[in-house]
Amino acid sequence: MRGLLGFVSFVLITQGVGGLAHHFGWFELWGLVHRAGFLDGHEVYASIVLIVLGLAAGGLAERAGS
């Protein structure tokens, strides 16, 4: 369970950071937030939510390990 939560945490955080980087023009190669049409105009908020969820999943992974 710890490994799965760690992987989910990594994916969520990288997608959130990638979405912010894409929004500010620093990175344009990948990311899911800017590709979702229903998030038009809300990409920054969605990216921040992904980062927060990733940190929460990482915290759960640490708690599951002890």
Protein backbone atom coordinates (compact mmCIF):
# COMPACT_ATOMS: atom_id res chain seq x y z
CA MET A 1 0.00 0.00 0.00
CA ARG A 2 2.86 2.36 0.84
CA GLY A 3 4.40 1.93 -2.60
CA LEU A 4 1.13 2.59 -4.39
CA LEU A 5 0.43 5.74 -2.34
CA GLY A 6 3.97 6.92 -2.97
CA PHE A 7 3.54 6.45 -6.71
CA VAL A 8 0.17 8.23 -6.70
CA SER A 9 1.73 11.06 -4.70
CA PHE A 10 4.56 11.38 -7.21
CA VAL A 11 2.19 11.44 -10.20
CA LEU A 12 -0.13 14.01 -8.64
CA ILE A 13 2.68 16.33 -7.62
CA THR A 14 4.44 16.11 -10.98
CA GLN A 15 1.19 16.76 -12.87
CA GLY A 16 0.44 19.75 -10.64
CA VAL A 17 3.92 21.23 -11.04
CA GLY A 18 3.81 20.49 -14.76
CA GLY A 19 0.46 22.26 -15.05
CA LEU A 20 1.81 25.34 -13.29
CA ALA A 21 4.97 25.31 -15.39
CA HIS A 22 2.90 25.01 -18.56
CA HIS A 23 0.63 27.86 -17.52
CA PHE A 24 3.58 30.19 -16.92
CA GLY A 25 5.25 29.14 -20.19
CA TRP A 26 8.22 27.28 -18.76
CA PHE A 27 7.32 23.77 -19.90
CA GLU A 28 5.18 22.69 -22.81
CA LEU A 29 5.86 18.99 -23.35
CA TRP A 30 3.38 17.13 -21.15
CA GLY A 31 0.73 17.56 -18.58
CA LEU A 32 -2.91 16.68 -18.22
CA VAL A 33 -4.35 19.85 -16.73
CA HIS A 34 -4.03 21.99 -19.84
CA ARG A 35 -5.47 19.23 -22.04
CA ALA A 36 -8.75 18.92 -20.13
CA GLY A 37 -11.25 21.18 -21.86
CA PHE A 38 -13.58 21.53 -18.89
CA LEU A 39 -10.78 23.21 -16.89
CA ASP A 40 -10.44 26.17 -19.27
CA GLY A 41 -9.64 29.21 -17.17
CA HIS A 42 -9.10 27.15 -14.02
CA GLU A 43 -5.79 25.44 -14.82
CA VAL A 44 -3.85 27.13 -12.02
CA TYR A 45 -6.41 26.16 -9.39
CA ALA A 46 -6.54 22.57 -10.65
CA SER A 47 -2.74 22.35 -10.59
CA ILE A 48 -2.63 23.61 -7.01
CA VAL A 49 -5.30 21.08 -6.02
CA LEU A 50 -3.23 18.30 -7.61
CA ILE A 51 -0.16 19.36 -5.65
CA VAL A 52 -2.11 19.46 -2.38
CA LEU A 53 -3.66 16.05 -3.06
CA GLY A 54 -0.21 14.68 -3.88
CA LEU A 55 1.19 15.98 -0.61
CA ALA A 56 -1.76 14.42 1.24
CA ALA A 57 -1.18 11.08 -0.49
CA GLY A 58 2.51 11.31 0.43
CA GLY A 59 1.59 11.92 4.04
CA LEU A 60 -0.69 8.89 3.98
CA ALA A 61 2.13 6.83 2.48
CA GLU A 62 4.43 7.85 5.32
CA ARG A 63 1.77 7.07 7.92
CA ALA A 64 1.09 3.67 6.35
CA GLY A 65 4.78 2.84 6.57
CA SER A 66 5.06 3.32 10.32
